[in-house]
Amino acid sequence: MIWITLIYIAFIFGNSATPAVYSAAESGWVTNLLNRVVGSIGLTALQFSEGFIRKAAHFTEYTGLGILLTLSLAKRGFFAGRRRLRLIPVGFLVACIDEGIQYFTPGRACSIKDVLLDTCGVAFGVGLLALVSYGKTRWKHHNGA
C-alpha cells in the first residue's frame, strides 16, 4: 500500500509541475462540464467558478492522500492508534513540497493558503478513516462479534 501512496504523491507533484496554461485549460474544462451538468438537472442558479473548482480539487486530492497515508501507515507503531494524528504533519510536508514545485513551474505560484487547505484535506481524510474505524469497532462490540 505504501507504493500506491508514493505513486499518488508523484501524481500530485506531477499536477503541480504542469504549466499554468495547461492547468487553467484543465480547470476550465472541468468547470464548464460541472456547470453544464448542474444546469441540465435544473439547478441553473448553481454555477461553479474556476477558482472554486481549483480549491475543491486541492482539498479532494489531499483528502485522498490522508486516506492513503492512513491505510499505509496507521498500523505501524509510530502512527498507530491515536498517534495517527502524526500523519497530518506528513501531509503538511507533502503540501509544502507541492507548493514549492509550483513556485518553479511556469505561470504558477505557491500559496500558504493552498498549503493550509491541503493540510485540512489530509486531516479530513485521516479523520474520516478514524471515524470509520471507530464505527466498525462500535458495531462489532454492539453486535457481540
N, C-alpha and C. Protein backbone atom coordinates (compact mmCIF):
# COMPACT_ATOMS: atom_id res chain seq x y z
N MET A 1 0.82 -1.19 0.00
CA MET A 1 0.00 0.00 0.00
C MET A 1 0.87 1.26 0.00
N ILE A 2 2.07 1.15 0.55
CA ILE A 2 2.94 2.32 0.58
C ILE A 2 3.32 2.74 -0.83
N TRP A 3 3.46 1.77 -1.74
CA TRP A 3 3.80 2.11 -3.13
C TRP A 3 2.69 2.89 -3.80
N ILE A 4 1.46 2.52 -3.53
CA ILE A 4 0.31 3.25 -4.09
C ILE A 4 0.32 4.69 -3.58
N THR A 5 0.62 4.85 -2.29
CA THR A 5 0.68 6.19 -1.71
C THR A 5 1.80 7.02 -2.35
N LEU A 6 2.95 6.40 -2.57
CA LEU A 6 4.06 7.13 -3.20
C LEU A 6 3.73 7.49 -4.66
N ILE A 7 3.06 6.61 -5.36
CA ILE A 7 2.64 6.92 -6.73
C ILE A 7 1.63 8.06 -6.72
N TYR A 8 0.74 8.05 -5.75
CA TYR A 8 -0.26 9.12 -5.62
C TYR A 8 0.43 10.47 -5.35
N ILE A 9 1.44 10.46 -4.50
CA ILE A 9 2.19 11.69 -4.22
C ILE A 9 2.88 12.16 -5.51
N ALA A 10 3.43 11.24 -6.28
CA ALA A 10 4.04 11.60 -7.56
C ALA A 10 3.00 12.21 -8.50
N PHE A 11 1.78 11.69 -8.48
CA PHE A 11 0.68 12.25 -9.28
C PHE A 11 0.40 13.69 -8.85
N ILE A 12 0.34 13.93 -7.55
CA ILE A 12 0.12 15.28 -7.02
C ILE A 12 1.23 16.21 -7.51
N PHE A 13 2.47 15.77 -7.37
CA PHE A 13 3.60 16.59 -7.79
C PHE A 13 3.57 16.83 -9.30
N GLY A 14 3.16 15.84 -10.05
CA GLY A 14 3.04 16.00 -11.50
C GLY A 14 2.02 17.06 -11.87
N ASN A 15 0.90 17.08 -11.14
CA ASN A 15 -0.10 18.13 -11.38
C ASN A 15 0.48 19.51 -11.11
N SER A 16 1.29 19.62 -10.09
CA SER A 16 1.88 20.91 -9.75
C SER A 16 2.96 21.34 -10.73
N ALA A 17 3.56 20.39 -11.42
CA ALA A 17 4.59 20.70 -12.40
C ALA A 17 4.00 21.04 -13.77
N THR A 18 2.68 20.99 -13.88
CA THR A 18 2.01 21.32 -15.12
C THR A 18 1.97 22.85 -15.28
N PRO A 19 2.50 23.38 -16.37
CA PRO A 19 2.47 24.83 -16.58
C PRO A 19 1.06 25.40 -16.52
N ALA A 20 0.97 26.65 -16.12
CA ALA A 20 -0.31 27.31 -15.86
C ALA A 20 -1.28 27.24 -17.04
N VAL A 21 -0.76 27.39 -18.24
CA VAL A 21 -1.65 27.41 -19.41
C VAL A 21 -2.41 26.09 -19.53
N TYR A 22 -1.76 24.96 -19.27
CA TYR A 22 -2.42 23.65 -19.35
C TYR A 22 -3.30 23.40 -18.14
N SER A 23 -2.82 23.81 -16.97
CA SER A 23 -3.60 23.64 -15.75
C SER A 23 -4.90 24.44 -15.82
N ALA A 24 -4.82 25.68 -16.33
CA ALA A 24 -6.01 26.52 -16.45
C ALA A 24 -7.00 25.93 -17.45
N ALA A 25 -6.49 25.37 -18.54
CA ALA A 25 -7.38 24.75 -19.53
C ALA A 25 -8.11 23.55 -18.92
N GLU A 26 -7.38 22.77 -18.14
CA GLU A 26 -7.99 21.61 -17.49
C GLU A 26 -9.06 22.04 -16.49
N SER A 27 -8.74 23.04 -15.67
CA SER A 27 -9.71 23.54 -14.69
C SER A 27 -10.92 24.14 -15.38
N GLY A 28 -10.69 24.86 -16.47
CA GLY A 28 -11.80 25.44 -17.22
C GLY A 28 -12.71 24.39 -17.80
N TRP A 29 -12.12 23.31 -18.30
CA TRP A 29 -12.90 22.21 -18.87
C TRP A 29 -13.78 21.57 -17.79
N VAL A 30 -13.20 21.31 -16.61
CA VAL A 30 -13.97 20.70 -15.50
C VAL A 30 -15.07 21.65 -15.04
N THR A 31 -14.76 22.93 -14.94
CA THR A 31 -15.75 23.92 -14.52
C THR A 31 -16.92 23.94 -15.49
N ASN A 32 -16.62 24.01 -16.79
CA ASN A 32 -17.70 24.02 -17.79
C ASN A 32 -18.53 22.75 -17.73
N LEU A 33 -17.88 21.61 -17.58
CA LEU A 33 -18.59 20.34 -17.50
C LEU A 33 -19.55 20.32 -16.30
N LEU A 34 -19.04 20.67 -15.14
CA LEU A 34 -19.89 20.67 -13.93
C LEU A 34 -21.05 21.65 -14.06
N ASN A 35 -20.78 22.82 -14.62
CA ASN A 35 -21.86 23.80 -14.79
C ASN A 35 -22.92 23.31 -15.77
N ARG A 36 -22.49 22.59 -16.82
CA ARG A 36 -23.46 22.01 -17.75
C ARG A 36 -24.28 20.92 -17.07
N VAL A 37 -23.63 20.10 -16.25
CA VAL A 37 -24.33 19.01 -15.56
C VAL A 37 -25.37 19.57 -14.60
N VAL A 38 -24.99 20.53 -13.75
CA VAL A 38 -25.97 21.07 -12.79
C VAL A 38 -27.07 21.84 -13.52
N GLY A 39 -26.74 22.46 -14.64
CA GLY A 39 -27.76 23.14 -15.44
C GLY A 39 -28.73 22.16 -16.06
N SER A 40 -28.23 21.00 -16.49
CA SER A 40 -29.08 20.00 -17.15
C SER A 40 -30.05 19.33 -16.18
N ILE A 41 -29.76 19.38 -14.89
CA ILE A 41 -30.69 18.80 -13.91
C ILE A 41 -31.56 19.88 -13.26
N GLY A 42 -31.52 21.08 -13.85
CA GLY A 42 -32.43 22.13 -13.41
C GLY A 42 -31.89 23.05 -12.33
N LEU A 43 -30.63 22.92 -11.98
CA LEU A 43 -30.05 23.78 -10.95
C LEU A 43 -29.30 24.94 -11.60
N THR A 44 -30.01 25.69 -12.43
CA THR A 44 -29.37 26.75 -13.22
C THR A 44 -28.82 27.87 -12.34
N ALA A 45 -29.35 28.04 -11.14
CA ALA A 45 -28.86 29.10 -10.25
C ALA A 45 -27.50 28.73 -9.65
N LEU A 46 -27.16 27.45 -9.67
CA LEU A 46 -25.89 26.99 -9.11
C LEU A 46 -24.83 26.96 -10.21
N GLN A 47 -23.86 27.83 -10.09
CA GLN A 47 -22.77 27.89 -11.06
C GLN A 47 -21.46 27.89 -10.29
N PHE A 48 -20.53 27.05 -10.70
CA PHE A 48 -19.23 26.96 -10.06
C PHE A 48 -18.24 27.89 -10.76
N SER A 49 -17.37 28.50 -9.97
CA SER A 49 -16.29 29.30 -10.54
C SER A 49 -15.06 28.42 -10.71
N GLU A 50 -14.18 28.81 -11.59
CA GLU A 50 -12.95 28.06 -11.79
C GLU A 50 -12.11 28.05 -10.51
N GLY A 51 -12.10 29.17 -9.78
CA GLY A 51 -11.36 29.24 -8.52
C GLY A 51 -11.88 28.23 -7.50
N PHE A 52 -13.21 28.12 -7.42
CA PHE A 52 -13.80 27.14 -6.50
C PHE A 52 -13.40 25.72 -6.89
N ILE A 53 -13.45 25.44 -8.19
CA ILE A 53 -13.10 24.10 -8.67
C ILE A 53 -11.65 23.78 -8.34
N ARG A 54 -10.76 24.75 -8.51
CA ARG A 54 -9.35 24.53 -8.21
C ARG A 54 -9.14 24.24 -6.72
N LYS A 55 -9.82 25.00 -5.86
CA LYS A 55 -9.67 24.79 -4.41
C LYS A 55 -10.30 23.46 -4.00
N ALA A 56 -11.43 23.12 -4.59
CA ALA A 56 -12.07 21.83 -4.30
C ALA A 56 -11.17 20.68 -4.74
N ALA A 57 -10.49 20.86 -5.86
CA ALA A 57 -9.55 19.83 -6.33
C ALA A 57 -8.41 19.66 -5.35
N HIS A 58 -7.87 20.76 -4.83
CA HIS A 58 -6.80 20.68 -3.82
C HIS A 58 -7.28 19.87 -2.62
N PHE A 59 -8.43 20.26 -2.08
CA PHE A 59 -8.94 19.60 -0.88
C PHE A 59 -9.20 18.12 -1.13
N THR A 60 -9.82 17.80 -2.25
CA THR A 60 -10.15 16.42 -2.58
C THR A 60 -8.89 15.58 -2.80
N GLU A 61 -7.94 16.15 -3.52
CA GLU A 61 -6.68 15.45 -3.79
C GLU A 61 -5.97 15.10 -2.47
N TYR A 62 -5.96 16.03 -1.55
CA TYR A 62 -5.27 15.80 -0.28
C TYR A 62 -6.10 15.00 0.71
N THR A 63 -7.42 14.98 0.56
CA THR A 63 -8.23 14.05 1.35
C THR A 63 -7.85 12.63 0.95
N GLY A 64 -7.69 12.41 -0.35
CA GLY A 64 -7.22 11.11 -0.84
C GLY A 64 -5.86 10.75 -0.26
N LEU A 65 -4.98 11.74 -0.18
CA LEU A 65 -3.66 11.49 0.42
C LEU A 65 -3.80 11.10 1.89
N GLY A 66 -4.65 11.79 2.63
CA GLY A 66 -4.86 11.45 4.04
C GLY A 66 -5.36 10.02 4.21
N ILE A 67 -6.27 9.62 3.32
CA ILE A 67 -6.79 8.25 3.36
C ILE A 67 -5.68 7.26 3.07
N LEU A 68 -4.91 7.52 2.01
CA LEU A 68 -3.83 6.60 1.65
C LEU A 68 -2.74 6.55 2.71
N LEU A 69 -2.39 7.69 3.29
CA LEU A 69 -1.40 7.68 4.38
C LEU A 69 -1.90 6.83 5.54
N THR A 70 -3.17 6.97 5.85
CA THR A 70 -3.74 6.18 6.95
C THR A 70 -3.70 4.69 6.64
N LEU A 71 -4.14 4.33 5.44
CA LEU A 71 -4.13 2.91 5.07
C LEU A 71 -2.72 2.34 5.01
N SER A 72 -1.75 3.18 4.64
CA SER A 72 -0.37 2.72 4.50
C SER A 72 0.38 2.65 5.82
N LEU A 73 0.11 3.61 6.71
CA LEU A 73 0.98 3.77 7.87
C LEU A 73 0.30 3.64 9.24
N ALA A 74 -1.02 3.69 9.32
CA ALA A 74 -1.68 3.76 10.62
C ALA A 74 -1.53 2.52 11.47
N LYS A 75 -1.12 1.42 10.89
CA LYS A 75 -0.92 0.21 11.69
C LYS A 75 0.53 0.07 12.15
N ARG A 76 1.37 0.98 11.74
CA ARG A 76 2.78 0.96 12.15
C ARG A 76 2.91 1.71 13.46
N GLY A 77 3.79 1.26 14.32
CA GLY A 77 3.93 1.77 15.67
C GLY A 77 3.91 3.28 15.83
N PHE A 78 4.71 3.99 15.03
CA PHE A 78 4.83 5.44 15.18
C PHE A 78 3.52 6.15 14.86
N PHE A 79 2.70 5.56 14.00
CA PHE A 79 1.45 6.18 13.57
C PHE A 79 0.20 5.43 14.06
N ALA A 80 0.38 4.40 14.87
CA ALA A 80 -0.74 3.53 15.26
C ALA A 80 -1.68 4.22 16.24
N GLY A 81 -2.92 3.78 16.19
CA GLY A 81 -3.93 4.25 17.14
C GLY A 81 -4.12 5.76 17.10
N ARG A 82 -4.13 6.35 18.26
CA ARG A 82 -4.33 7.80 18.34
C ARG A 82 -3.15 8.58 17.76
N ARG A 83 -2.04 7.90 17.59
CA ARG A 83 -0.87 8.56 17.01
C ARG A 83 -1.01 8.77 15.51
N ARG A 84 -2.15 8.33 14.95
CA ARG A 84 -2.36 8.56 13.51
C ARG A 84 -2.43 10.06 13.20
N LEU A 85 -2.65 10.88 14.22
CA LEU A 85 -2.61 12.33 14.00
C LEU A 85 -1.24 12.79 13.52
N ARG A 86 -0.24 11.99 13.76
CA ARG A 86 1.11 12.30 13.26
C ARG A 86 1.17 12.25 11.74
N LEU A 87 0.17 11.69 11.12
CA LEU A 87 0.12 11.65 9.66
C LEU A 87 -0.15 13.04 9.08
N ILE A 88 -0.79 13.90 9.85
CA ILE A 88 -1.13 15.24 9.36
C ILE A 88 0.12 16.06 9.05
N PRO A 89 1.14 16.07 9.93
CA PRO A 89 2.37 16.79 9.54
C PRO A 89 3.06 16.18 8.32
N VAL A 90 2.90 14.88 8.11
CA VAL A 90 3.45 14.26 6.89
C VAL A 90 2.76 14.87 5.67
N GLY A 91 1.45 14.98 5.75
CA GLY A 91 0.69 15.62 4.67
C GLY A 91 1.06 17.08 4.48
N PHE A 92 1.31 17.77 5.59
CA PHE A 92 1.75 19.17 5.52
C PHE A 92 3.07 19.27 4.78
N LEU A 93 3.98 18.35 5.06
CA LEU A 93 5.28 18.35 4.37
C LEU A 93 5.10 18.12 2.86
N VAL A 94 4.24 17.18 2.51
CA VAL A 94 3.96 16.93 1.09
C VAL A 94 3.39 18.20 0.44
N ALA A 95 2.47 18.87 1.15
CA ALA A 95 1.86 20.10 0.62
C ALA A 95 2.91 21.20 0.43
N CYS A 96 3.84 21.31 1.36
CA CYS A 96 4.91 22.31 1.23
C CYS A 96 5.78 22.03 0.01
N ILE A 97 6.14 20.77 -0.17
CA ILE A 97 6.94 20.40 -1.36
C ILE A 97 6.14 20.67 -2.62
N ASP A 98 4.87 20.33 -2.60
CA ASP A 98 3.98 20.54 -3.73
C ASP A 98 3.93 22.02 -4.13
N GLU A 99 3.75 22.88 -3.17
CA GLU A 99 3.72 24.32 -3.46
C GLU A 99 5.09 24.82 -3.91
N GLY A 100 6.15 24.22 -3.39
CA GLY A 100 7.49 24.56 -3.84
C GLY A 100 7.69 24.23 -5.31
N ILE A 101 7.14 23.10 -5.74
CA ILE A 101 7.20 22.73 -7.16
C ILE A 101 6.47 23.78 -7.99
N GLN A 102 5.32 24.23 -7.51
CA GLN A 102 4.56 25.23 -8.25
C GLN A 102 5.33 26.54 -8.39
N TYR A 103 6.12 26.86 -7.39
CA TYR A 103 6.91 28.10 -7.43
C TYR A 103 7.83 28.13 -8.64
N PHE A 104 8.35 26.96 -9.01
CA PHE A 104 9.30 26.86 -10.13
C PHE A 104 8.64 26.47 -11.45
N THR A 105 7.32 26.36 -11.46
CA THR A 105 6.59 25.96 -12.66
C THR A 105 6.10 27.21 -13.40
N PRO A 106 6.33 27.29 -14.71
CA PRO A 106 5.95 28.48 -15.47
C PRO A 106 4.48 28.88 -15.28
N GLY A 107 4.29 30.13 -14.88
CA GLY A 107 2.94 30.68 -14.72
C GLY A 107 2.24 30.30 -13.43
N ARG A 108 2.86 29.46 -12.62
CA ARG A 108 2.24 29.01 -11.37
C ARG A 108 2.85 29.78 -10.21
N ALA A 109 2.20 29.73 -9.08
CA ALA A 109 2.70 30.39 -7.87
C ALA A 109 2.47 29.48 -6.68
N CYS A 110 3.22 29.71 -5.63
CA CYS A 110 2.98 28.95 -4.40
C CYS A 110 2.15 29.80 -3.45
N SER A 111 1.39 29.13 -2.61
CA SER A 111 0.46 29.83 -1.72
C SER A 111 0.38 29.12 -0.38
N ILE A 112 0.57 29.88 0.69
CA ILE A 112 0.42 29.31 2.04
C ILE A 112 -1.04 28.90 2.26
N LYS A 113 -1.97 29.61 1.63
CA LYS A 113 -3.38 29.24 1.75
C LYS A 113 -3.62 27.84 1.18
N ASP A 114 -2.96 27.53 0.07
CA ASP A 114 -3.11 26.20 -0.51
C ASP A 114 -2.47 25.14 0.37
N VAL A 115 -1.34 25.46 1.00
CA VAL A 115 -0.72 24.52 1.94
C VAL A 115 -1.69 24.22 3.08
N LEU A 116 -2.33 25.25 3.61
CA LEU A 116 -3.28 25.06 4.71
C LEU A 116 -4.51 24.28 4.24
N LEU A 117 -5.00 24.59 3.05
CA LEU A 117 -6.15 23.86 2.50
C LEU A 117 -5.79 22.39 2.29
N ASP A 118 -4.61 22.15 1.73
CA ASP A 118 -4.15 20.78 1.51
C ASP A 118 -4.03 20.02 2.83
N THR A 119 -3.48 20.68 3.84
CA THR A 119 -3.32 20.06 5.16
C THR A 119 -4.68 19.74 5.77
N CYS A 120 -5.65 20.64 5.57
CA CYS A 120 -7.01 20.35 6.04
C CYS A 120 -7.59 19.14 5.32
N GLY A 121 -7.29 19.00 4.04
CA GLY A 121 -7.73 17.83 3.29
C GLY A 121 -7.15 16.55 3.86
N VAL A 122 -5.85 16.58 4.17
CA VAL A 122 -5.20 15.41 4.79
C VAL A 122 -5.87 15.10 6.13
N ALA A 123 -6.07 16.12 6.95
CA ALA A 123 -6.70 15.92 8.26
C ALA A 123 -8.11 15.34 8.09
N PHE A 124 -8.84 15.81 7.10
CA PHE A 124 -10.17 15.27 6.84
C PHE A 124 -10.10 13.79 6.46
N GLY A 125 -9.17 13.44 5.59
CA GLY A 125 -9.01 12.03 5.18
C GLY A 125 -8.63 11.14 6.34
N VAL A 126 -7.69 11.61 7.16
CA VAL A 126 -7.27 10.84 8.34
C VAL A 126 -8.45 10.70 9.31
N GLY A 127 -9.14 11.81 9.54
CA GLY A 127 -10.29 11.80 10.46
C GLY A 127 -11.43 10.93 9.96
N LEU A 128 -11.66 10.96 8.66
CA LEU A 128 -12.72 10.15 8.08
C LEU A 128 -12.46 8.66 8.31
N LEU A 129 -11.23 8.22 8.09
CA LEU A 129 -10.92 6.81 8.33
C LEU A 129 -10.93 6.47 9.82
N ALA A 130 -10.55 7.42 10.66
CA ALA A 130 -10.64 7.19 12.11
C ALA A 130 -12.09 6.99 12.52
N LEU A 131 -12.97 7.80 11.95
CA LEU A 131 -14.40 7.69 12.24
C LEU A 131 -14.96 6.36 11.74
N VAL A 132 -14.56 5.95 10.55
CA VAL A 132 -15.00 4.65 10.02
C VAL A 132 -14.51 3.52 10.91
N SER A 133 -13.25 3.58 11.32
CA SER A 133 -12.67 2.56 12.19
C SER A 133 -13.41 2.51 13.54
N TYR A 134 -13.69 3.67 14.09
CA TYR A 134 -14.42 3.74 15.35
C TYR A 134 -15.82 3.14 15.19
N GLY A 135 -16.48 3.48 14.08
CA GLY A 135 -17.82 2.94 13.82
C GLY A 135 -17.82 1.43 13.68
N LYS A 136 -16.80 0.90 12.99
CA LYS A 136 -16.70 -0.56 12.84
C LYS A 136 -16.48 -1.23 14.19
N THR A 137 -15.65 -0.64 15.03
CA THR A 137 -15.39 -1.20 16.35
C THR A 137 -16.66 -1.18 17.20
N ARG A 138 -17.38 -0.07 17.17
CA ARG A 138 -18.63 0.04 17.94
C ARG A 138 -19.66 -0.96 17.42
N TRP A 139 -19.73 -1.13 16.10
CA TRP A 139 -20.68 -2.05 15.50
C TRP A 139 -20.40 -3.48 15.96
N LYS A 140 -19.11 -3.87 15.92
CA LYS A 140 -18.73 -5.21 16.34
C LYS A 140 -19.04 -5.42 17.82
N HIS A 141 -18.74 -4.43 18.63
CA HIS A 141 -18.98 -4.53 20.07
C HIS A 141 -20.49 -4.61 20.34
N HIS A 142 -21.27 -3.81 19.65
CA HIS A 142 -22.71 -3.77 19.85
C HIS A 142 -23.38 -5.06 19.41
N ASN A 143 -22.84 -5.68 18.37
CA ASN A 143 -23.44 -6.91 17.83
C ASN A 143 -22.80 -8.18 18.37
N GLY A 144 -21.93 -8.02 19.35
CA GLY A 144 -21.34 -9.16 20.02
C GLY A 144 -20.32 -9.94 19.20
N ALA A 145 -19.81 -9.33 18.19
CA ALA A 145 -18.82 -10.03 17.36
C ALA A 145 -17.45 -9.95 17.94
